[in-house]
PDB file of N, CA and C in Angstrom:
ATOM      1  N   MET A   1       1.039  -1.207  -0.247  1.00  0.00           N
ATOM      2  CA  MET A   1      -0.179  -0.234   0.090  1.00  0.00           C
ATOM      3  C   MET A   1       0.895   1.161  -0.039  1.00  0.00           C
ATOM      4  N   ALA A   2       0.737   2.158  -1.016  1.00  0.00           N
ATOM      5  CA  ALA A   2       1.295   3.493  -0.516  1.00  0.00           C
ATOM      6  C   ALA A   2       1.090   4.240   0.201  1.00  0.00           C
ATOM      7  N   ARG A   3       2.367   5.174   0.791  1.00  0.00           N
ATOM      8  CA  ARG A   3       2.291   5.819   1.964  1.00  0.00           C
ATOM      9  C   ARG A   3       1.536   7.088   1.282  1.00  0.00           C
ATOM     10  N   PRO A   4       0.996   7.141   2.443  1.00  0.00           N
ATOM     11  CA  PRO A   4       0.182   8.864   2.428  1.00  0.00           C
ATOM     12  C   PRO A   4       1.090   9.815   1.992  1.00  0.00           C
ATOM     13  N   PRO A   5       0.321  11.206   1.093  1.00  0.00           N
ATOM     14  CA  PRO A   5       1.585  11.885   0.915  1.00  0.00           C
ATOM     15  C   PRO A   5       1.349  13.035   2.183  1.00  0.00           C
ATOM     16  N   ARG A   6       2.827  13.208   2.069  1.00  0.00           N
ATOM     17  CA  ARG A   6       2.975  14.233   3.350  1.00  0.00           C
ATOM     18  C   ARG A   6       2.604  15.528   3.271  1.00  0.00           C
ATOM     19  N   LEU A   7       2.152  16.080   4.487  1.00  0.00           N
ATOM     20  CA  LEU A   7       1.796  17.520   4.354  1.00  0.00           C
ATOM     21  C   LEU A   7       2.652  18.287   4.572  1.00  0.00           C
ATOM     22  N   GLU A   8       2.902  19.446   3.647  1.00  0.00           N
ATOM     23  CA  GLU A   8       3.779  20.508   3.363  1.00  0.00           C
ATOM     24  C   GLU A   8       3.593  21.866   3.314  1.00  0.00           C
ATOM     25  N   PHE A   9       3.937  22.609   4.463  1.00  0.00           N
ATOM     26  CA  PHE A   9       3.620  23.647   4.499  1.00  0.00           C
ATOM     27  C   PHE A   9       4.371  25.063   4.562  1.00  0.00           C
ATOM     28  N   VAL A  10       4.577  26.217   4.144  1.00  0.00           N
ATOM     29  CA  VAL A  10       5.669  27.063   4.106  1.00  0.00           C
ATOM     30  C   VAL A  10       5.559  27.956   5.386  1.00  0.00           C
ATOM     31  N   GLY A  11       7.184  27.454   5.781  1.00  0.00           N
ATOM     32  CA  GLY A  11       7.818  27.810   6.622  1.00  0.00           C
ATOM     33  C   GLY A  11       7.618  26.854   7.852  1.00  0.00           C
ATOM     34  N   ALA A  12       7.054  25.567   7.728  1.00  0.00           N
ATOM     35  CA  ALA A  12       6.689  24.675   8.801  1.00  0.00           C
ATOM     36  C   ALA A  12       8.290  24.012   9.372  1.00  0.00           C
ATOM     37  N   LEU A  13       8.149  23.871  10.515  1.00  0.00           N
ATOM     38  CA  LEU A  13       9.335  23.012  11.364  1.00  0.00           C
ATOM     39  C   LEU A  13       9.175  21.553  10.947  1.00  0.00           C
ATOM     40  N   TYR A  14       9.906  20.753  10.914  1.00  0.00           N
ATOM     41  CA  TYR A  14       9.664  19.388  10.915  1.00  0.00           C
ATOM     42  C   TYR A  14      10.917  18.570  11.686  1.00  0.00           C
ATOM     43  N   HIS A  15      10.535  17.290  12.597  1.00  0.00           N
ATOM     44  CA  HIS A  15      11.608  16.923  13.310  1.00  0.00           C
ATOM     45  C   HIS A  15      11.676  15.523  12.323  1.00  0.00           C
ATOM     46  N   ILE A  16      12.291  15.300  11.801  1.00  0.00           N
ATOM     47  CA  ILE A  16      13.189  13.732  11.005  1.00  0.00           C
ATOM     48  C   ILE A  16      13.940  12.845  11.259  1.00  0.00           C
ATOM     49  N   THR A  17      13.385  11.818  11.208  1.00  0.00           N
ATOM     50  CA  THR A  17      14.279  10.649  11.832  1.00  0.00           C
ATOM     51  C   THR A  17      14.088  10.003  10.826  1.00  0.00           C
ATOM     52  N   LEU A  18      15.575   9.221  10.874  1.00  0.00           N
ATOM     53  CA  LEU A  18      15.519   8.041  10.012  1.00  0.00           C
ATOM     54  C   LEU A  18      16.756   6.995  10.846  1.00  0.00           C
ATOM     55  N   GLN A  19      16.139   5.561  10.975  1.00  0.00           N
ATOM     56  CA  GLN A  19      17.111   4.964  11.967  1.00  0.00           C
ATOM     57  C   GLN A  19      17.467   3.626  10.642  1.00  0.00           C
ATOM     58  N   GLY A  20      18.434   3.177  10.736  1.00  0.00           N
ATOM     59  CA  GLY A  20      18.461   2.080   9.926  1.00  0.00           C
ATOM     60  C   GLY A  20      18.064   0.566  10.709  1.00  0.00           C
ATOM     61  N   ASP A  21      17.879  -0.353   9.181  1.00  0.00           N
ATOM     62  CA  ASP A  21      17.368  -1.409   9.487  1.00  0.00           C
ATOM     63  C   ASP A  21      18.060  -2.264  10.272  1.00  0.00           C
ATOM     64  N   ARG A  22      17.008  -2.584  11.453  1.00  0.00           N
ATOM     65  CA  ARG A  22      17.498  -3.451  12.203  1.00  0.00           C
ATOM     66  C   ARG A  22      18.731  -3.300  13.434  1.00  0.00           C
ATOM     67  N   ARG A  23      18.043  -1.927  13.447  1.00  0.00           N
ATOM     68  CA  ARG A  23      19.121  -0.731  14.033  1.00  0.00           C
ATOM     69  C   ARG A  23      20.758  -0.525  13.642  1.00  0.00           C
ATOM     70  N   GLU A  24      21.361  -1.126  12.152  1.00  0.00           N
ATOM     71  CA  GLU A  24      22.041  -1.529  11.913  1.00  0.00           C
ATOM     72  C   GLU A  24      22.598   0.385  11.703  1.00  0.00           C
ATOM     73  N   ASP A  25      24.037   0.190  11.615  1.00  0.00           N
ATOM     74  CA  ASP A  25      24.297   1.466  11.275  1.00  0.00           C
ATOM     75  C   ASP A  25      24.175   2.206   9.757  1.00  0.00           C
ATOM     76  N   ILE A  26      24.102   3.585   9.870  1.00  0.00           N
ATOM     77  CA  ILE A  26      23.973   4.100   8.680  1.00  0.00           C
ATOM     78  C   ILE A  26      24.797   4.908   8.101  1.00  0.00           C
ATOM     79  N   VAL A  27      25.788   5.137   9.639  1.00  0.00           N
ATOM     80  CA  VAL A  27      27.246   5.643   9.370  1.00  0.00           C
ATOM     81  C   VAL A  27      28.087   5.168  10.331  1.00  0.00           C
ATOM     82  N   GLU A  28      29.433   4.699   9.535  1.00  0.00           N
ATOM     83  CA  GLU A  28      30.424   3.861  10.645  1.00  0.00           C
ATOM     84  C   GLU A  28      31.447   4.331  10.782  1.00  0.00           C
ATOM     85  N   THR A  29      31.621   5.648   9.654  1.00  0.00           N
ATOM     86  CA  THR A  29      33.492   6.492  10.185  1.00  0.00           C
ATOM     87  C   THR A  29      33.215   7.367  10.073  1.00  0.00           C
ATOM     88  N   ASP A  30      34.535   8.273  10.577  1.00  0.00           N
ATOM     89  CA  ASP A  30      34.171   9.659  10.601  1.00  0.00           C
ATOM     90  C   ASP A  30      34.317  10.408   9.345  1.00  0.00           C
ATOM     91  N   ASP A  31      34.857   9.462   8.346  1.00  0.00           N
ATOM     92  CA  ASP A  31      34.598   9.912   6.660  1.00  0.00           C
ATOM     93  C   ASP A  31      32.950  10.145   5.849  1.00  0.00           C
ATOM     94  N   ASP A  32      32.456   8.773   6.887  1.00  0.00           N
ATOM     95  CA  ASP A  32      30.895   8.846   6.728  1.00  0.00           C
ATOM     96  C   ASP A  32      30.195   9.720   7.053  1.00  0.00           C
ATOM     97  N   ARG A  33      30.416  10.092   8.545  1.00  0.00           N
ATOM     98  CA  ARG A  33      29.619  11.585   8.716  1.00  0.00           C
ATOM     99  C   ARG A  33      29.876  12.660   8.043  1.00  0.00           C
ATOM    100  N   SER A  34      31.167  12.408   8.034  1.00  0.00           N
ATOM    101  CA  SER A  34      31.560  14.065   6.868  1.00  0.00           C
ATOM    102  C   SER A  34      30.945  14.160   5.676  1.00  0.00           C
ATOM    103  N   LEU A  35      30.392  13.181   5.136  1.00  0.00           N
ATOM    104  CA  LEU A  35      30.024  13.299   3.536  1.00  0.00           C
ATOM    105  C   LEU A  35      28.390  12.839   4.188  1.00  0.00           C
ATOM    106  N   PHE A  36      27.807  12.674   4.894  1.00  0.00           N
ATOM    107  CA  PHE A  36      26.426  12.869   4.935  1.00  0.00           C
ATOM    108  C   PHE A  36      26.325  13.912   5.479  1.00  0.00           C
ATOM    109  N   LEU A  37      26.716  14.861   6.244  1.00  0.00           N
ATOM    110  CA  LEU A  37      26.516  16.363   6.759  1.00  0.00           C
ATOM    111  C   LEU A  37      26.874  17.066   5.337  1.00  0.00           C
ATOM    112  N   SER A  38      27.702  16.645   4.642  1.00  0.00           N
ATOM    113  CA  SER A  38      28.285  17.617   2.947  1.00  0.00           C
ATOM    114  C   SER A  38      26.566  17.542   2.327  1.00  0.00           C
ATOM    115  N   VAL A  39      26.198  16.088   2.287  1.00  0.00           N
ATOM    116  CA  VAL A  39      24.885  16.169   1.308  1.00  0.00           C
ATOM    117  C   VAL A  39      23.833  16.515   1.937  1.00  0.00           C
ATOM    118  N   PHE A  40      24.018  16.912   3.232  1.00  0.00           N
ATOM    119  CA  PHE A  40      22.769  17.296   4.164  1.00  0.00           C
ATOM    120  C   PHE A  40      22.882  18.814   3.922  1.00  0.00           C
ATOM    121  N   SER A  41      23.926  19.592   4.020  1.00  0.00           N
ATOM    122  CA  SER A  41      24.442  20.879   3.510  1.00  0.00           C
ATOM    123  C   SER A  41      23.803  21.153   2.415  1.00  0.00           C
ATOM    124  N   ASP A  42      24.210  20.490   1.537  1.00  0.00           N
ATOM    125  CA  ASP A  42      23.836  20.728   0.054  1.00  0.00           C
ATOM    126  C   ASP A  42      22.379  20.539  -0.199  1.00  0.00           C
ATOM    127  N   VAL A  43      21.654  19.456   0.675  1.00  0.00           N
ATOM    128  CA  VAL A  43      20.017  19.850   0.449  1.00  0.00           C
ATOM    129  C   VAL A  43      19.523  20.562   1.059  1.00  0.00           C
ATOM    130  N   CYS A  44      20.298  21.429   2.171  1.00  0.00           N
ATOM    131  CA  CYS A  44      19.380  22.904   2.624  1.00  0.00           C
ATOM    132  C   CYS A  44      20.185  23.863   1.924  1.00  0.00           C
ATOM    133  N   GLU A  45      20.614  23.906   1.346  1.00  0.00           N
ATOM    134  CA  GLU A  45      20.892  24.798  -0.244  1.00  0.00           C
ATOM    135  C   GLU A  45      20.329  24.860  -0.913  1.00  0.00           C
ATOM    136  N   ARG A  46      20.007  23.716  -1.657  1.00  0.00           N
ATOM    137  CA  ARG A  46      19.697  23.720  -2.874  1.00  0.00           C
ATOM    138  C   ARG A  46      17.929  24.065  -2.608  1.00  0.00           C
ATOM    139  N   HIS A  47      17.416  23.213  -1.559  1.00  0.00           N
ATOM    140  CA  HIS A  47      15.826  23.303  -1.368  1.00  0.00           C
ATOM    141  C   HIS A  47      15.617  24.495  -0.454  1.00  0.00           C
ATOM    142  N   ASN A  48      16.745  25.100  -0.142  1.00  0.00           N
ATOM    143  CA  ASN A  48      16.689  26.591   0.972  1.00  0.00           C
ATOM    144  C   ASN A  48      15.893  26.031   2.732  1.00  0.00           C
ATOM    145  N   TRP A  49      16.410  25.018   2.727  1.00  0.00           N
ATOM    146  CA  TRP A  49      15.853  24.611   3.880  1.00  0.00           C
ATOM    147  C   TRP A  49      16.619  25.412   5.094  1.00  0.00           C
ATOM    148  N   ARG A  50      16.093  25.510   6.198  1.00  0.00           N
ATOM    149  CA  ARG A  50      16.742  25.830   7.729  1.00  0.00           C
ATOM    150  C   ARG A  50      17.145  25.025   8.502  1.00  0.00           C
ATOM    151  N   CYS A  51      18.054  24.737   9.030  1.00  0.00           N
ATOM    152  CA  CYS A  51      18.190  23.479   9.922  1.00  0.00           C
ATOM    153  C   CYS A  51      18.980  24.460  11.020  1.00  0.00           C
ATOM    154  N   HIS A  52      17.366  23.576  12.318  1.00  0.00           N
ATOM    155  CA  HIS A  52      18.160  24.513  13.458  1.00  0.00           C
ATOM    156  C   HIS A  52      18.256  23.536  14.296  1.00  0.00           C
ATOM    157  N   ALA A  53      18.376  22.515  13.924  1.00  0.00           N
ATOM    158  CA  ALA A  53      19.292  21.409  14.825  1.00  0.00           C
ATOM    159  C   ALA A  53      19.443  20.123  14.151  1.00  0.00           C
ATOM    160  N   TYR A  54      20.389  19.640  14.456  1.00  0.00           N
ATOM    161  CA  TYR A  54      20.715  18.006  13.971  1.00  0.00           C
ATOM    162  C   TYR A  54      21.251  16.975  15.019  1.00  0.00           C
ATOM    163  N   CYS A  55      21.138  15.732  15.022  1.00  0.00           N
ATOM    164  CA  CYS A  55      21.641  14.727  15.486  1.00  0.00           C
ATOM    165  C   CYS A  55      21.911  13.778  15.068  1.00  0.00           C
ATOM    166  N   LEU A  56      23.300  13.235  14.770  1.00  0.00           N
ATOM    167  CA  LEU A  56      23.879  12.006  13.779  1.00  0.00           C
ATOM    168  C   LEU A  56      24.413  11.012  14.699  1.00  0.00           C
ATOM    169  N   MET A  57      23.797   9.876  14.659  1.00  0.00           N
ATOM    170  CA  MET A  57      24.412   8.759  15.276  1.00  0.00           C
ATOM    171  C   MET A  57      24.937   7.985  14.507  1.00  0.00           C
ATOM    172  N   SER A  58      25.572   6.397  15.069  1.00  0.00           N
ATOM    173  CA  SER A  58      25.785   5.618  14.052  1.00  0.00           C
ATOM    174  C   SER A  58      24.424   5.171  13.180  1.00  0.00           C
ATOM    175  N   ASN A  59      23.405   4.876  13.891  1.00  0.00           N
ATOM    176  CA  ASN A  59      22.515   4.224  13.428  1.00  0.00           C
ATOM    177  C   ASN A  59      21.160   4.706  13.057  1.00  0.00           C
ATOM    178  N   ARG A  60      21.084   6.417  13.477  1.00  0.00           N
ATOM    179  CA  ARG A  60      19.925   6.817  13.105  1.00  0.00           C
ATOM    180  C   ARG A  60      20.483   8.082  12.875  1.00  0.00           C
ATOM    181  N   TYR A  61      19.415   9.224  12.610  1.00  0.00           N
ATOM    182  CA  TYR A  61      19.627  10.757  12.350  1.00  0.00           C
ATOM    183  C   TYR A  61      18.412  11.365  13.083  1.00  0.00           C
ATOM    184  N   HIS A  62      18.561  13.101  13.564  1.00  0.00           N
ATOM    185  CA  HIS A  62      17.331  13.698  14.019  1.00  0.00           C
ATOM    186  C   HIS A  62      17.786  15.201  13.367  1.00  0.00           C
ATOM    187  N   LEU A  63      17.044  15.237  12.579  1.00  0.00           N
ATOM    188  CA  LEU A  63      16.957  17.026  12.129  1.00  0.00           C
ATOM    189  C   LEU A  63      15.987  17.536  12.618  1.00  0.00           C
ATOM    190  N   LEU A  64      15.809  19.057  12.847  1.00  0.00           N
ATOM    191  CA  LEU A  64      14.755  19.761  13.088  1.00  0.00           C
ATOM    192  C   LEU A  64      15.294  20.638  11.647  1.00  0.00           C
ATOM    193  N   VAL A  65      14.560  20.694  10.950  1.00  0.00           N
ATOM    194  CA  VAL A  65      14.307  21.702   9.798  1.00  0.00           C
ATOM    195  C   VAL A  65      13.024  22.735   9.419  1.00  0.00           C
ATOM    196  N   GLU A  66      13.489  23.818   8.930  1.00  0.00           N
ATOM    197  CA  GLU A  66      12.081  24.643   8.729  1.00  0.00           C
ATOM    198  C   GLU A  66      12.461  25.045   6.895  1.00  0.00           C
ATOM    199  N   THR A  67      11.118  24.491   6.422  1.00  0.00           N
ATOM    200  CA  THR A  67      10.989  24.771   4.852  1.00  0.00           C
ATOM    201  C   THR A  67      10.532  25.880   4.260  1.00  0.00           C
ATOM    202  N   PRO A  68      11.021  26.917   4.071  1.00  0.00           N
ATOM    203  CA  PRO A  68       9.971  27.775   3.928  1.00  0.00           C
ATOM    204  C   PRO A  68       9.428  28.141   2.252  1.00  0.00           C
ATOM    205  N   ASP A  69       9.692  26.852   1.590  1.00  0.00           N
ATOM    206  CA  ASP A  69       9.320  26.665   0.202  1.00  0.00           C
ATOM    207  C   ASP A  69       8.466  25.511   0.183  1.00  0.00           C
ATOM    208  N   ALA A  70       7.532  25.356   1.392  1.00  0.00           N
ATOM    209  CA  ALA A  70       7.009  23.880   1.450  1.00  0.00           C
ATOM    210  C   ALA A  70       7.316  22.539   0.734  1.00  0.00           C
ATOM    211  N   ASN A  71       8.536  22.177   0.694  1.00  0.00           N
ATOM    212  CA  ASN A  71       9.228  21.272  -0.025  1.00  0.00           C
ATOM    213  C   ASN A  71      10.055  20.005   0.691  1.00  0.00           C
ATOM    214  N   LEU A  72       9.417  19.554   1.315  1.00  0.00           N
ATOM    215  CA  LEU A  72      10.270  18.691   2.535  1.00  0.00           C
ATOM    216  C   LEU A  72      10.310  17.316   1.955  1.00  0.00           C
ATOM    217  N   SER A  73       9.369  16.966   0.821  1.00  0.00           N
ATOM    218  CA  SER A  73       9.671  15.430  -0.063  1.00  0.00           C
ATOM    219  C   SER A  73      10.474  15.646  -1.039  1.00  0.00           C
ATOM    220  N   LYS A  74      11.144  16.567  -1.810  1.00  0.00           N
ATOM    221  CA  LYS A  74      11.910  16.830  -2.506  1.00  0.00           C
ATOM    222  C   LYS A  74      13.007  16.691  -2.039  1.00  0.00           C
ATOM    223  N   GLY A  75      13.136  17.662  -0.923  1.00  0.00           N
ATOM    224  CA  GLY A  75      14.716  17.412  -0.079  1.00  0.00           C
ATOM    225  C   GLY A  75      15.007  15.919   0.283  1.00  0.00           C
ATOM    226  N   MET A  76      13.934  15.356   1.019  1.00  0.00           N
ATOM    227  CA  MET A  76      14.110  14.037   1.057  1.00  0.00           C
ATOM    228  C   MET A  76      14.649  13.405   0.945  1.00  0.00           C
ATOM    229  N   ARG A  77      14.126  13.037  -0.750  1.00  0.00           N
ATOM    230  CA  ARG A  77      14.073  12.164  -1.509  1.00  0.00           C
ATOM    231  C   ARG A  77      15.654  12.474  -2.038  1.00  0.00           C
ATOM    232  N   GLN A  78      15.869  13.667  -2.087  1.00  0.00           N
ATOM    233  CA  GLN A  78      17.409  13.956  -2.082  1.00  0.00           C
ATOM    234  C   GLN A  78      18.670  13.739  -1.430  1.00  0.00           C
ATOM    235  N   LEU A  79      18.295  13.591  -0.185  1.00  0.00           N
ATOM    236  CA  LEU A  79      19.166  13.273   0.934  1.00  0.00           C
ATOM    237  C   LEU A  79      19.136  11.922   1.178  1.00  0.00           C
ATOM    238  N   ASN A  80      18.058  11.547   0.954  1.00  0.00           N
ATOM    239  CA  ASN A  80      18.020   9.470   1.276  1.00  0.00           C
ATOM    240  C   ASN A  80      18.765   8.961   0.369  1.00  0.00           C
ATOM    241  N   GLY A  81      18.124   9.336  -1.010  1.00  0.00           N
ATOM    242  CA  GLY A  81      18.419   8.853  -2.191  1.00  0.00           C
ATOM    243  C   GLY A  81      20.309   8.909  -2.759  1.00  0.00           C
ATOM    244  N   VAL A  82      20.618   9.875  -2.362  1.00  0.00           N
ATOM    245  CA  VAL A  82      22.425  10.334  -2.449  1.00  0.00           C
ATOM    246  C   VAL A  82      23.059   9.427  -1.319  1.00  0.00           C
ATOM    247  N   HIS A  83      22.624   9.827   0.090  1.00  0.00           N
ATOM    248  CA  HIS A  83      23.233   9.090   0.951  1.00  0.00           C
ATOM    249  C   HIS A  83      22.915   7.403   0.925  1.00  0.00           C
ATOM    250  N   THR A  84      22.274   7.333   0.675  1.00  0.00           N
ATOM    251  CA  THR A  84      21.788   5.504   0.703  1.00  0.00           C
ATOM    252  C   THR A  84      23.256   5.083  -0.593  1.00  0.00           C
ATOM    253  N   LYS A  85      23.018   5.719  -1.688  1.00  0.00           N
ATOM    254  CA  LYS A  85      24.276   5.141  -2.859  1.00  0.00           C
ATOM    255  C   LYS A  85      25.518   5.404  -2.771  1.00  0.00           C
ATOM    256  N   LEU A  86      25.701   6.063  -1.731  1.00  0.00           N
ATOM    257  CA  LEU A  86      27.001   6.305  -1.322  1.00  0.00           C
ATOM    258  C   LEU A  86      27.621   5.176  -0.216  1.00  0.00           C
TER     259      LEU A  86
END
């Protein structure tokens, strides 16, 4: 069954979380962490997101972002798509 569409609002604040399957690591090394943060920074710049806070742990992340342009889905597709391929 398809996931229902996300509700997106101009200027909304979102608490975004992602956890690895079976709590497996999503970042293993400092280089992985740096790469993730670089991709996240690119997503924020490209989609005009404002990052208020983030917490990157080995098996999950938490992000607090504001979306002035109501484009959470587009940014998340880029963030998770690029990071998964790396």
